[in-house]
Amino acid sequence: MKEKIIRQESGRVISSSRDKTITVLIERKVKHPMYKKILRRSSKIHAHDENNESTAGDLVTIQECRPISKSKSWKLVNVIEKNIEIN
């Protein structure tokens, strides 16, 4: 039996206003097939944050999991870098 490959991505939290849910922006760079220019592509993913430990601006790692709701099938693994705001 094959072992399931669990995908992990890292990205920036752009919203954490909902309870136990964060929105993560994942950016990647791809080369245009004809013009060879480097383009930035991004995806917004909703992830489950059980303890509400991340805030907007944090760099996080998320992992694919079973569907938790209609739009959430990723969960927070850890916070790589906290956003530090100086006011």
Protein backbone atom coordinates (compact mmCIF):
# COMPACT_ATOMS: atom_id res chain seq x y z
CA MET A 1 0.00 0.00 0.00
CA LYS A 2 1.28 3.45 -0.93
CA GLU A 3 2.02 5.98 1.77
CA LYS A 4 0.06 9.19 1.38
CA ILE A 5 2.10 12.29 0.65
CA ILE A 6 1.04 15.15 2.93
CA ARG A 7 1.54 18.54 1.29
CA GLN A 8 2.99 21.41 3.30
CA GLU A 9 3.18 25.04 2.22
CA SER A 10 4.41 28.22 3.85
CA GLY A 11 2.91 31.64 3.38
CA ARG A 12 1.89 34.93 4.94
CA VAL A 13 -1.30 35.30 7.02
CA ILE A 14 -3.43 38.08 5.51
CA SER A 15 -6.50 37.69 7.74
CA SER A 16 -7.17 36.17 11.14
CA SER A 17 -10.44 37.90 12.02
CA ARG A 18 -12.59 34.75 12.03
CA ASP A 19 -12.65 32.32 14.94
CA LYS A 20 -10.24 29.38 14.44
CA THR A 21 -9.67 30.32 10.78
CA ILE A 22 -6.82 32.11 9.03
CA THR A 23 -6.40 33.14 5.41
CA VAL A 24 -2.91 32.42 4.07
CA LEU A 25 -1.45 33.94 0.90
CA ILE A 26 0.96 31.54 -0.82
CA GLU A 27 3.16 33.10 -3.51
CA ARG A 28 5.23 31.22 -6.06
CA LYS A 29 7.37 32.27 -9.01
CA VAL A 30 6.90 30.67 -12.43
CA LYS A 31 8.67 31.25 -15.70
CA HIS A 32 6.54 32.21 -18.71
CA PRO A 33 6.79 29.39 -21.28
CA MET A 34 7.38 31.66 -24.29
CA TYR A 35 8.83 34.92 -22.99
CA LYS A 36 10.85 33.41 -20.11
CA LYS A 37 9.88 36.24 -17.76
CA ILE A 38 9.53 35.38 -14.07
CA LEU A 39 5.91 35.88 -12.97
CA ARG A 40 4.49 35.90 -9.44
CA ARG A 41 1.42 33.74 -8.90
CA SER A 42 -0.49 33.57 -5.63
CA SER A 43 -3.22 31.51 -3.96
CA LYS A 44 -5.40 32.34 -0.97
CA ILE A 45 -6.06 29.34 1.27
CA HIS A 46 -8.27 29.11 4.36
CA ALA A 47 -6.62 27.12 7.14
CA HIS A 48 -7.77 25.85 10.54
CA ASP A 49 -6.07 27.53 13.52
CA GLU A 50 -7.32 25.66 16.59
CA ASN A 51 -5.85 27.93 19.28
CA ASN A 52 -6.05 31.27 17.40
CA GLU A 53 -2.28 31.59 17.79
CA SER A 54 -1.46 33.44 14.55
CA THR A 55 -2.25 37.01 13.57
CA ALA A 56 -2.15 38.98 10.32
CA GLY A 57 1.38 39.34 8.96
CA ASP A 58 2.79 36.13 10.47
CA LEU A 59 4.78 33.69 8.35
CA VAL A 60 3.26 30.22 8.88
CA THR A 61 3.47 26.62 7.70
CA ILE A 62 0.20 24.89 6.82
CA GLN A 63 -0.51 21.24 6.03
CA GLU A 64 -3.21 19.57 3.97
CA CYS A 65 -5.77 17.59 6.00
CA ARG A 66 -9.28 16.21 5.79
CA PRO A 67 -12.02 18.74 4.96
CA ILE A 68 -12.99 20.63 8.11
CA SER A 69 -15.62 22.83 6.46
CA LYS A 70 -16.73 23.86 2.97
CA SER A 71 -13.65 26.03 2.40
CA LYS A 72 -11.10 24.63 4.89
CA SER A 73 -8.99 21.59 4.13
CA TRP A 74 -5.67 22.85 5.52
CA LYS A 75 -4.49 23.22 9.11
CA LEU A 76 -1.82 25.31 10.81
CA VAL A 77 1.37 23.42 11.68
CA ASN A 78 3.52 26.15 13.21
CA VAL A 79 4.27 29.86 13.17
CA ILE A 80 7.69 30.47 11.61
CA GLU A 81 7.91 34.22 12.24
CA LYS A 82 5.65 36.47 14.29
CA ASN A 83 4.68 39.89 12.94
CA ILE A 84 6.14 42.58 15.20
CA GLU A 85 4.41 45.94 14.96
CA ILE A 86 5.97 48.94 16.70
CA ASN A 87 3.48 51.75 17.35
